[in-house]
Amino acid sequence: MSEMEWPEEAPPKKGGIPNWVWIGCGGGCLVTLILVAAGSFWVMGAFKQAKDPEMVWPIVEKALPFDERPEGWEVSGLGILGTNQVMMDPPNESAVIMLQYFDERAGVEELFDPDSTANNIVFVGIEDAELGEIEIQERSTRCLRFISPTPGSDVQAPSIRVDLSGEGALYVCFQVIL
């Protein structure tokens, strides 16, 4: 029999997971965690800003100029969602008023098309739409009367949408939801 020569040291034992996997996954998780935290802070700040009347009233004044703020009205802006919307709650709480404003005429035009997907931003859609005209401050403008179904409910709210676009830089749509 021949004698075998054994190495003095045993070969190093291979680890189950290579180091590059730990670094890659750990780094990816860390970057994801930082992005989620930063995004959360941004969203919280944007929602706080949207609820601040001192931030929202100047937007309302730009879209619908007024001499003084109406007493008791609550406003909140949804511009953070890219929809350029302001919700206005009058003190008698019998209606909700939504003001939408756009830099281009196409935004308002889309809201007056009953089949447009732009109508699904706040509502499930609109039903029984009827185009018409309304006179506001001795000026005739178009309106859209419709029923807006409430999601998950049998309630259907009668609504009217009025085109208040003027000669200014903004195109404005005013909507009352009863």
N, C-alpha and C. Protein backbone atom coordinates (compact mmCIF):
# COMPACT_ATOMS: atom_id res chain seq x y z
N MET A 1 0.82 -1.17 0.00
CA MET A 1 0.00 0.00 0.00
C MET A 1 0.86 1.23 0.00
N SER A 2 0.30 2.19 -0.71
CA SER A 2 1.05 3.43 -0.73
C SER A 2 0.47 4.40 0.26
N GLU A 3 1.31 5.23 0.67
CA GLU A 3 0.88 6.21 1.66
C GLU A 3 0.50 7.50 0.97
N MET A 4 -0.62 8.06 1.36
CA MET A 4 -1.08 9.32 0.78
C MET A 4 -0.57 10.48 1.58
N GLU A 5 -0.27 11.52 0.88
CA GLU A 5 0.17 12.71 1.60
C GLU A 5 -1.01 13.63 1.80
N TRP A 6 -1.23 13.98 3.02
CA TRP A 6 -2.34 14.88 3.37
C TRP A 6 -1.82 16.29 3.47
N PRO A 7 -2.61 17.26 2.94
CA PRO A 7 -2.17 18.64 3.11
C PRO A 7 -2.23 19.02 4.58
N GLU A 8 -1.37 19.92 4.96
CA GLU A 8 -1.31 20.31 6.36
C GLU A 8 -2.56 21.06 6.78
N GLU A 9 -3.13 21.90 5.90
CA GLU A 9 -4.34 22.64 6.25
C GLU A 9 -5.48 22.16 5.39
N ALA A 10 -6.64 22.13 6.00
CA ALA A 10 -7.83 21.74 5.26
C ALA A 10 -8.24 22.92 4.38
N PRO A 11 -8.75 22.67 3.18
CA PRO A 11 -9.18 23.78 2.33
C PRO A 11 -10.30 24.57 3.03
N PRO A 12 -10.32 25.87 2.78
CA PRO A 12 -11.34 26.68 3.46
C PRO A 12 -12.73 26.22 3.05
N LYS A 13 -13.62 26.26 4.03
CA LYS A 13 -14.98 25.83 3.81
C LYS A 13 -15.71 26.94 3.05
N LYS A 14 -16.43 26.56 2.00
CA LYS A 14 -17.15 27.55 1.22
C LYS A 14 -18.39 27.98 1.99
N GLY A 15 -18.64 29.33 1.99
CA GLY A 15 -19.83 29.88 2.64
C GLY A 15 -21.05 29.61 1.78
N GLY A 16 -22.22 29.66 2.39
CA GLY A 16 -23.44 29.38 1.66
C GLY A 16 -23.82 30.51 0.71
N ILE A 17 -23.61 31.76 1.10
CA ILE A 17 -24.02 32.91 0.29
C ILE A 17 -22.80 33.80 0.09
N PRO A 18 -22.49 34.12 -1.16
CA PRO A 18 -21.32 34.98 -1.41
C PRO A 18 -21.53 36.39 -0.85
N ASN A 19 -20.42 37.04 -0.55
CA ASN A 19 -20.46 38.40 0.02
C ASN A 19 -21.14 39.39 -0.92
N TRP A 20 -20.93 39.26 -2.21
CA TRP A 20 -21.50 40.22 -3.14
C TRP A 20 -23.03 40.21 -3.10
N VAL A 21 -23.61 39.05 -2.76
CA VAL A 21 -25.07 38.96 -2.64
C VAL A 21 -25.54 39.77 -1.43
N TRP A 22 -24.83 39.62 -0.31
CA TRP A 22 -25.19 40.38 0.90
C TRP A 22 -25.06 41.88 0.65
N ILE A 23 -24.00 42.29 0.01
CA ILE A 23 -23.79 43.72 -0.25
C ILE A 23 -24.84 44.24 -1.23
N GLY A 24 -25.09 43.50 -2.29
CA GLY A 24 -26.07 43.93 -3.28
C GLY A 24 -27.48 44.02 -2.71
N CYS A 25 -27.91 42.99 -2.03
CA CYS A 25 -29.26 42.98 -1.45
C CYS A 25 -29.37 44.01 -0.33
N GLY A 26 -28.38 44.05 0.52
CA GLY A 26 -28.41 45.02 1.62
C GLY A 26 -28.40 46.45 1.11
N GLY A 27 -27.57 46.72 0.10
CA GLY A 27 -27.53 48.06 -0.49
C GLY A 27 -28.84 48.42 -1.17
N GLY A 28 -29.41 47.45 -1.88
CA GLY A 28 -30.71 47.68 -2.54
C GLY A 28 -31.81 47.95 -1.54
N CYS A 29 -31.82 47.18 -0.45
CA CYS A 29 -32.82 47.39 0.60
C CYS A 29 -32.64 48.75 1.26
N LEU A 30 -31.39 49.14 1.49
CA LEU A 30 -31.11 50.43 2.11
C LEU A 30 -31.57 51.57 1.21
N VAL A 31 -31.26 51.50 -0.07
CA VAL A 31 -31.69 52.53 -1.01
C VAL A 31 -33.22 52.59 -1.08
N THR A 32 -33.88 51.44 -1.12
CA THR A 32 -35.34 51.39 -1.15
C THR A 32 -35.93 52.01 0.11
N LEU A 33 -35.36 51.69 1.26
CA LEU A 33 -35.83 52.24 2.52
C LEU A 33 -35.69 53.76 2.54
N ILE A 34 -34.57 54.26 2.06
CA ILE A 34 -34.35 55.72 2.02
C ILE A 34 -35.34 56.38 1.07
N LEU A 35 -35.58 55.78 -0.10
CA LEU A 35 -36.54 56.35 -1.05
C LEU A 35 -37.96 56.34 -0.50
N VAL A 36 -38.35 55.27 0.16
CA VAL A 36 -39.70 55.20 0.75
C VAL A 36 -39.84 56.25 1.85
N ALA A 37 -38.83 56.40 2.69
CA ALA A 37 -38.89 57.41 3.76
C ALA A 37 -38.97 58.82 3.18
N ALA A 38 -38.15 59.11 2.18
CA ALA A 38 -38.18 60.44 1.56
C ALA A 38 -39.53 60.69 0.87
N GLY A 39 -40.05 59.69 0.18
CA GLY A 39 -41.35 59.82 -0.47
C GLY A 39 -42.46 60.04 0.54
N SER A 40 -42.39 59.34 1.66
CA SER A 40 -43.40 59.51 2.71
C SER A 40 -43.38 60.92 3.28
N PHE A 41 -42.21 61.47 3.52
CA PHE A 41 -42.10 62.83 4.02
C PHE A 41 -42.65 63.83 3.01
N TRP A 42 -42.36 63.60 1.72
CA TRP A 42 -42.86 64.49 0.68
C TRP A 42 -44.38 64.46 0.62
N VAL A 43 -44.97 63.26 0.65
CA VAL A 43 -46.43 63.12 0.58
C VAL A 43 -47.08 63.74 1.80
N MET A 44 -46.53 63.51 2.99
CA MET A 44 -47.09 64.11 4.20
C MET A 44 -47.04 65.63 4.12
N GLY A 45 -45.93 66.17 3.65
CA GLY A 45 -45.82 67.62 3.51
C GLY A 45 -46.79 68.18 2.48
N ALA A 46 -46.96 67.45 1.38
CA ALA A 46 -47.89 67.90 0.34
C ALA A 46 -49.33 67.87 0.84
N PHE A 47 -49.72 66.83 1.59
CA PHE A 47 -51.07 66.77 2.13
C PHE A 47 -51.28 67.86 3.18
N LYS A 48 -50.26 68.14 3.96
CA LYS A 48 -50.36 69.22 4.96
C LYS A 48 -50.56 70.55 4.24
N GLN A 49 -49.83 70.76 3.16
CA GLN A 49 -49.97 71.97 2.36
C GLN A 49 -51.35 72.05 1.72
N ALA A 50 -51.87 70.92 1.27
CA ALA A 50 -53.18 70.88 0.62
C ALA A 50 -54.30 71.24 1.59
N LYS A 51 -54.10 71.00 2.86
CA LYS A 51 -55.12 71.32 3.88
C LYS A 51 -54.94 72.72 4.46
N ASP A 52 -53.85 73.39 4.15
CA ASP A 52 -53.59 74.72 4.70
C ASP A 52 -54.34 75.78 3.90
N PRO A 53 -55.36 76.42 4.50
CA PRO A 53 -56.13 77.42 3.76
C PRO A 53 -55.29 78.58 3.24
N GLU A 54 -54.24 78.93 3.94
CA GLU A 54 -53.39 80.03 3.49
C GLU A 54 -52.62 79.68 2.22
N MET A 55 -52.47 78.41 1.94
CA MET A 55 -51.83 77.98 0.69
C MET A 55 -52.87 77.83 -0.43
N VAL A 56 -54.12 77.49 -0.07
CA VAL A 56 -55.14 77.18 -1.07
C VAL A 56 -55.88 78.43 -1.55
N TRP A 57 -56.19 79.37 -0.64
CA TRP A 57 -56.97 80.55 -1.05
C TRP A 57 -56.31 81.34 -2.18
N PRO A 58 -54.99 81.52 -2.21
CA PRO A 58 -54.39 82.22 -3.35
C PRO A 58 -54.63 81.51 -4.68
N ILE A 59 -54.72 80.18 -4.65
CA ILE A 59 -55.03 79.42 -5.88
C ILE A 59 -56.46 79.73 -6.32
N VAL A 60 -57.38 79.73 -5.35
CA VAL A 60 -58.78 80.05 -5.66
C VAL A 60 -58.87 81.46 -6.23
N GLU A 61 -58.16 82.40 -5.62
CA GLU A 61 -58.22 83.79 -6.09
C GLU A 61 -57.65 83.95 -7.49
N LYS A 62 -56.63 83.16 -7.81
CA LYS A 62 -56.06 83.22 -9.16
C LYS A 62 -57.05 82.69 -10.19
N ALA A 63 -57.77 81.62 -9.84
CA ALA A 63 -58.72 81.02 -10.77
C ALA A 63 -60.05 81.79 -10.81
N LEU A 64 -60.51 82.23 -9.64
CA LEU A 64 -61.77 82.97 -9.51
C LEU A 64 -61.52 84.21 -8.66
N PRO A 65 -61.15 85.32 -9.28
CA PRO A 65 -60.85 86.52 -8.50
C PRO A 65 -62.02 86.94 -7.61
N PHE A 66 -61.72 87.36 -6.39
CA PHE A 66 -62.74 87.82 -5.44
C PHE A 66 -62.19 88.97 -4.63
N ASP A 67 -63.10 89.76 -4.04
CA ASP A 67 -62.70 90.91 -3.22
C ASP A 67 -62.28 90.48 -1.82
N GLU A 68 -63.07 89.59 -1.21
CA GLU A 68 -62.71 89.08 0.11
C GLU A 68 -63.18 87.63 0.24
N ARG A 69 -62.51 86.90 1.11
CA ARG A 69 -62.85 85.49 1.30
C ARG A 69 -64.22 85.35 1.94
N PRO A 70 -65.01 84.40 1.46
CA PRO A 70 -66.31 84.19 2.11
C PRO A 70 -66.13 83.59 3.50
N GLU A 71 -66.96 84.03 4.43
CA GLU A 71 -66.89 83.56 5.82
C GLU A 71 -67.31 82.10 5.94
N GLY A 72 -66.56 81.33 6.69
CA GLY A 72 -66.95 79.97 7.03
C GLY A 72 -66.67 78.90 5.98
N TRP A 73 -66.12 79.28 4.86
CA TRP A 73 -65.85 78.29 3.81
C TRP A 73 -64.55 77.57 4.12
N GLU A 74 -64.56 76.26 3.94
CA GLU A 74 -63.33 75.47 4.09
C GLU A 74 -62.84 75.10 2.70
N VAL A 75 -61.53 75.19 2.51
CA VAL A 75 -60.95 74.85 1.21
C VAL A 75 -59.79 73.88 1.41
N SER A 76 -59.62 73.02 0.43
CA SER A 76 -58.45 72.14 0.42
C SER A 76 -58.07 71.92 -1.04
N GLY A 77 -56.78 71.88 -1.30
CA GLY A 77 -56.29 71.74 -2.66
C GLY A 77 -55.78 70.35 -2.93
N LEU A 78 -56.02 69.89 -4.14
CA LEU A 78 -55.55 68.57 -4.52
C LEU A 78 -54.53 68.65 -5.64
N GLY A 79 -53.87 69.78 -5.79
CA GLY A 79 -52.90 69.96 -6.85
C GLY A 79 -51.72 69.02 -6.77
N ILE A 80 -51.47 68.44 -5.60
CA ILE A 80 -50.35 67.51 -5.45
C ILE A 80 -50.54 66.27 -6.28
N LEU A 81 -51.80 65.98 -6.62
CA LEU A 81 -52.07 64.80 -7.43
C LEU A 81 -52.00 65.09 -8.91
N GLY A 82 -51.64 66.30 -9.26
CA GLY A 82 -51.55 66.67 -10.66
C GLY A 82 -52.89 66.97 -11.29
N THR A 83 -53.93 67.11 -10.45
CA THR A 83 -55.26 67.35 -11.00
C THR A 83 -55.69 68.81 -10.94
N ASN A 84 -54.94 69.65 -10.27
CA ASN A 84 -55.27 71.08 -10.16
C ASN A 84 -56.71 71.28 -9.70
N GLN A 85 -57.04 70.71 -8.57
CA GLN A 85 -58.39 70.80 -8.02
C GLN A 85 -58.38 71.46 -6.66
N VAL A 86 -59.44 72.20 -6.39
CA VAL A 86 -59.68 72.76 -5.07
C VAL A 86 -61.10 72.36 -4.68
N MET A 87 -61.22 71.78 -3.51
CA MET A 87 -62.53 71.43 -2.97
C MET A 87 -62.94 72.54 -2.01
N MET A 88 -64.17 73.01 -2.16
CA MET A 88 -64.67 74.10 -1.33
C MET A 88 -65.94 73.62 -0.63
N ASP A 89 -65.96 73.73 0.70
CA ASP A 89 -67.13 73.34 1.47
C ASP A 89 -67.78 74.59 2.05
N PRO A 90 -68.98 74.93 1.55
CA PRO A 90 -69.67 76.09 2.11
C PRO A 90 -70.15 75.80 3.53
N PRO A 91 -70.40 76.84 4.32
CA PRO A 91 -70.77 76.63 5.72
C PRO A 91 -72.09 75.88 5.92
N ASN A 92 -73.02 75.97 4.97
CA ASN A 92 -74.30 75.29 5.16
C ASN A 92 -74.23 73.80 4.84
N GLU A 93 -73.12 73.32 4.31
CA GLU A 93 -72.83 71.91 4.03
C GLU A 93 -73.88 71.23 3.15
N SER A 94 -74.59 71.99 2.35
CA SER A 94 -75.59 71.37 1.48
C SER A 94 -75.00 70.95 0.14
N ALA A 95 -73.80 71.39 -0.14
CA ALA A 95 -73.18 71.06 -1.41
C ALA A 95 -71.67 71.05 -1.25
N VAL A 96 -71.02 70.41 -2.18
CA VAL A 96 -69.56 70.47 -2.28
C VAL A 96 -69.26 71.13 -3.61
N ILE A 97 -68.32 72.03 -3.59
CA ILE A 97 -67.96 72.74 -4.81
C ILE A 97 -66.53 72.36 -5.17
N MET A 98 -66.35 72.00 -6.40
CA MET A 98 -65.02 71.62 -6.87
C MET A 98 -64.61 72.59 -7.97
N LEU A 99 -63.46 73.15 -7.82
CA LEU A 99 -62.90 74.07 -8.80
C LEU A 99 -61.72 73.37 -9.46
N GLN A 100 -61.75 73.28 -10.78
CA GLN A 100 -60.62 72.70 -11.51
C GLN A 100 -60.09 73.76 -12.47
N TYR A 101 -58.78 73.85 -12.56
CA TYR A 101 -58.17 74.86 -13.42
C TYR A 101 -57.04 74.23 -14.22
N PHE A 102 -56.87 74.74 -15.43
CA PHE A 102 -55.91 74.16 -16.36
C PHE A 102 -55.16 75.27 -17.08
N ASP A 103 -53.96 74.97 -17.54
CA ASP A 103 -53.17 75.91 -18.33
C ASP A 103 -53.55 75.87 -19.80
N GLU A 104 -54.21 74.79 -20.20
CA GLU A 104 -54.59 74.64 -21.61
C GLU A 104 -56.08 74.39 -21.72
N ARG A 105 -56.67 74.86 -22.78
CA ARG A 105 -58.11 74.74 -23.01
C ARG A 105 -58.56 73.27 -23.08
N ALA A 106 -57.69 72.39 -23.53
CA ALA A 106 -58.04 70.98 -23.69
C ALA A 106 -58.50 70.34 -22.37
N GLY A 107 -57.95 70.79 -21.25
CA GLY A 107 -58.35 70.24 -19.96
C GLY A 107 -59.82 70.48 -19.66
N VAL A 108 -60.29 71.69 -19.91
CA VAL A 108 -61.70 72.01 -19.70
C VAL A 108 -62.57 71.30 -20.73
N GLU A 109 -62.11 71.27 -21.97
CA GLU A 109 -62.88 70.61 -23.03
C GLU A 109 -63.16 69.16 -22.68
N GLU A 110 -62.18 68.50 -22.09
CA GLU A 110 -62.33 67.09 -21.73
C GLU A 110 -63.42 66.91 -20.66
N LEU A 111 -63.53 67.86 -19.74
CA LEU A 111 -64.54 67.76 -18.69
C LEU A 111 -65.96 67.92 -19.21
N PHE A 112 -66.11 68.53 -20.37
CA PHE A 112 -67.44 68.72 -20.94
C PHE A 112 -67.79 67.62 -21.95
N ASP A 113 -66.94 66.63 -22.06
CA ASP A 113 -67.22 65.45 -22.88
C ASP A 113 -67.67 64.34 -21.93
N PRO A 114 -68.96 63.99 -21.93
CA PRO A 114 -69.47 62.99 -20.98
C PRO A 114 -68.78 61.63 -21.06
N ASP A 115 -68.17 61.30 -22.20
CA ASP A 115 -67.52 60.00 -22.35
C ASP A 115 -66.03 60.02 -21.99
N SER A 116 -65.52 61.16 -21.58
CA SER A 116 -64.09 61.30 -21.28
C SER A 116 -63.73 60.60 -19.97
N THR A 117 -62.54 60.04 -19.92
CA THR A 117 -62.05 59.42 -18.69
C THR A 117 -61.67 60.47 -17.65
N ALA A 118 -61.56 61.74 -18.05
CA ALA A 118 -61.27 62.81 -17.09
C ALA A 118 -62.39 62.92 -16.06
N ASN A 119 -63.58 62.46 -16.39
CA ASN A 119 -64.70 62.51 -15.46
C ASN A 119 -64.59 61.47 -14.37
N ASN A 120 -63.63 60.57 -14.45
CA ASN A 120 -63.48 59.51 -13.47
C ASN A 120 -62.47 59.87 -12.38
N ILE A 121 -61.96 61.09 -12.40
CA ILE A 121 -60.97 61.48 -11.39
C ILE A 121 -61.60 61.46 -10.00
N VAL A 122 -62.73 62.10 -9.85
CA VAL A 122 -63.38 62.19 -8.55
C VAL A 122 -64.57 61.24 -8.47
N PHE A 123 -65.24 61.03 -9.58
CA PHE A 123 -66.45 60.22 -9.59
C PHE A 123 -66.20 58.92 -10.32
N VAL A 124 -67.16 58.02 -10.20
CA VAL A 124 -67.10 56.77 -10.95
C VAL A 124 -67.37 57.09 -12.42
N GLY A 125 -68.02 58.16 -12.67
CA GLY A 125 -68.40 58.58 -14.01
C GLY A 125 -69.55 59.55 -13.90
N ILE A 126 -70.17 59.85 -15.02
CA ILE A 126 -71.34 60.71 -14.98
C ILE A 126 -72.45 60.04 -15.78
N GLU A 127 -73.68 60.28 -15.35
CA GLU A 127 -74.84 59.69 -16.01
C GLU A 127 -75.82 60.79 -16.38
N ASP A 128 -76.63 60.53 -17.39
CA ASP A 128 -77.68 61.45 -17.83
C ASP A 128 -77.13 62.86 -18.09
N ALA A 129 -75.98 62.94 -18.75
CA ALA A 129 -75.34 64.24 -19.02
C ALA A 129 -76.16 65.02 -20.04
N GLU A 130 -76.27 66.33 -19.78
CA GLU A 130 -77.02 67.21 -20.67
C GLU A 130 -76.26 68.54 -20.78
N LEU A 131 -75.78 68.84 -21.99
CA LEU A 131 -75.09 70.11 -22.23
C LEU A 131 -76.12 71.23 -22.30
N GLY A 132 -75.74 72.41 -21.81
CA GLY A 132 -76.64 73.55 -21.85
C GLY A 132 -75.88 74.85 -21.72
N GLU A 133 -76.62 75.92 -21.51
CA GLU A 133 -76.04 77.25 -21.29
C GLU A 133 -76.61 77.81 -20.01
N ILE A 134 -75.82 78.62 -19.35
CA ILE A 134 -76.25 79.28 -18.11
C ILE A 134 -75.72 80.71 -18.15
N GLU A 135 -76.48 81.62 -17.55
CA GLU A 135 -76.05 83.01 -17.50
C GLU A 135 -75.51 83.31 -16.11
N ILE A 136 -74.28 83.80 -16.07
CA ILE A 136 -73.62 84.16 -14.81
C ILE A 136 -73.06 85.55 -14.98
N GLN A 137 -73.46 86.46 -14.12
CA GLN A 137 -73.01 87.86 -14.15
C GLN A 137 -73.11 88.44 -15.55
N GLU A 138 -74.29 88.31 -16.12
CA GLU A 138 -74.62 88.87 -17.43
C GLU A 138 -73.75 88.32 -18.56
N ARG A 139 -73.24 87.13 -18.35
CA ARG A 139 -72.44 86.47 -19.37
C ARG A 139 -72.96 85.04 -19.56
N SER A 140 -73.19 84.66 -20.77
CA SER A 140 -73.68 83.31 -21.06
C SER A 140 -72.48 82.38 -21.24
N THR A 141 -72.55 81.22 -20.60
CA THR A 141 -71.47 80.24 -20.71
C THR A 141 -72.08 78.84 -20.71
N ARG A 142 -71.31 77.90 -21.13
CA ARG A 142 -71.84 76.53 -21.22
C ARG A 142 -71.81 75.85 -19.85
N CYS A 143 -72.69 74.86 -19.74
CA CYS A 143 -72.73 74.06 -18.52
C CYS A 143 -73.04 72.61 -18.91
N LEU A 144 -72.77 71.73 -17.99
CA LEU A 144 -73.07 70.31 -18.17
C LEU A 144 -73.79 69.85 -16.90
N ARG A 145 -75.06 69.47 -17.06
CA ARG A 145 -75.82 68.94 -15.94
C ARG A 145 -75.75 67.42 -16.00
N PHE A 146 -75.58 66.79 -14.84
CA PHE A 146 -75.47 65.33 -14.83
C PHE A 146 -75.72 64.78 -13.45
N ILE A 147 -75.80 63.48 -13.38
CA ILE A 147 -75.91 62.75 -12.12
C ILE A 147 -74.57 62.06 -11.90
N SER A 148 -74.03 62.20 -10.68
CA SER A 148 -72.77 61.50 -10.38
C SER A 148 -73.04 60.41 -9.34
N PRO A 149 -72.87 59.16 -9.74
CA PRO A 149 -73.09 58.06 -8.81
C PRO A 149 -72.03 58.04 -7.71
N THR A 150 -72.43 57.66 -6.52
CA THR A 150 -71.50 57.55 -5.41
C THR A 150 -71.04 56.10 -5.32
N PRO A 151 -69.71 55.86 -5.32
CA PRO A 151 -69.21 54.48 -5.28
C PRO A 151 -69.70 53.72 -4.04
N GLY A 152 -70.17 52.50 -4.25
CA GLY A 152 -70.60 51.64 -3.16
C GLY A 152 -71.90 52.06 -2.51
N SER A 153 -72.69 52.88 -3.18
CA SER A 153 -73.92 53.39 -2.59
C SER A 153 -74.97 53.57 -3.68
N ASP A 154 -76.22 53.64 -3.27
CA ASP A 154 -77.29 53.91 -4.22
C ASP A 154 -77.51 55.41 -4.40
N VAL A 155 -76.75 56.24 -3.67
CA VAL A 155 -76.90 57.68 -3.73
C VAL A 155 -76.40 58.19 -5.07
N GLN A 156 -77.20 59.05 -5.68
CA GLN A 156 -76.80 59.69 -6.92
C GLN A 156 -76.93 61.19 -6.73
N ALA A 157 -75.84 61.89 -6.88
CA ALA A 157 -75.82 63.33 -6.61
C ALA A 157 -76.03 64.13 -7.88
N PRO A 158 -77.08 64.98 -7.90
CA PRO A 158 -77.23 65.87 -9.05
C PRO A 158 -76.09 66.89 -9.03
N SER A 159 -75.53 67.16 -10.19
CA SER A 159 -74.38 68.04 -10.28
C SER A 159 -74.48 68.94 -11.50
N ILE A 160 -73.76 70.04 -11.45
CA ILE A 160 -73.65 70.92 -12.61
C ILE A 160 -72.20 71.36 -12.71
N ARG A 161 -71.70 71.40 -13.91
CA ARG A 161 -70.34 71.83 -14.20
C ARG A 161 -70.45 73.06 -15.09
N VAL A 162 -69.76 74.13 -14.73
CA VAL A 162 -69.85 75.40 -15.45
C VAL A 162 -68.47 75.80 -15.93
N ASP A 163 -68.37 76.20 -17.19
CA ASP A 163 -67.11 76.67 -17.76
C ASP A 163 -66.97 78.16 -17.45
N LEU A 164 -66.06 78.49 -16.55
CA LEU A 164 -65.83 79.88 -16.16
C LEU A 164 -64.57 80.45 -16.77
N SER A 165 -64.06 79.81 -17.80
CA SER A 165 -62.84 80.29 -18.45
C SER A 165 -63.10 81.67 -19.03
N GLY A 166 -62.17 82.54 -18.79
CA GLY A 166 -62.29 83.90 -19.31
C GLY A 166 -61.13 84.22 -20.21
N GLU A 167 -60.74 85.46 -20.16
CA GLU A 167 -59.64 85.92 -20.99
C GLU A 167 -58.28 85.71 -20.32
N GLY A 168 -58.27 85.23 -19.09
CA GLY A 168 -57.02 85.07 -18.35
C GLY A 168 -56.18 83.90 -18.82
N ALA A 169 -55.15 83.61 -18.05
CA ALA A 169 -54.20 82.56 -18.41
C ALA A 169 -54.68 81.17 -17.99
N LEU A 170 -55.73 81.11 -17.15
CA LEU A 170 -56.22 79.82 -16.68
C LEU A 170 -57.57 79.50 -17.31
N TYR A 171 -57.81 78.23 -17.51
CA TYR A 171 -59.10 77.73 -17.96
C TYR A 171 -59.74 77.07 -16.75
N VAL A 172 -60.94 77.52 -16.39
CA VAL A 172 -61.53 77.16 -15.10
C VAL A 172 -62.86 76.44 -15.30
N CYS A 173 -63.05 75.40 -14.53
CA CYS A 173 -64.32 74.66 -14.49
C CYS A 173 -64.77 74.63 -13.03
N PHE A 174 -66.01 75.00 -12.81
CA PHE A 174 -66.59 75.09 -11.49
C PHE A 174 -67.69 74.05 -11.42
N GLN A 175 -67.69 73.21 -10.41
CA GLN A 175 -68.68 72.14 -10.33
C GLN A 175 -69.33 72.14 -8.96
N VAL A 176 -70.65 72.03 -8.95
CA VAL A 176 -71.41 71.96 -7.71
C VAL A 176 -72.02 70.56 -7.62
N ILE A 177 -71.79 69.91 -6.48
CA ILE A 177 -72.30 68.57 -6.25
C ILE A 177 -73.29 68.69 -5.09
N LEU A 178 -74.53 68.42 -5.34
CA LEU A 178 -75.56 68.54 -4.29
C LEU A 178 -75.69 67.28 -3.48
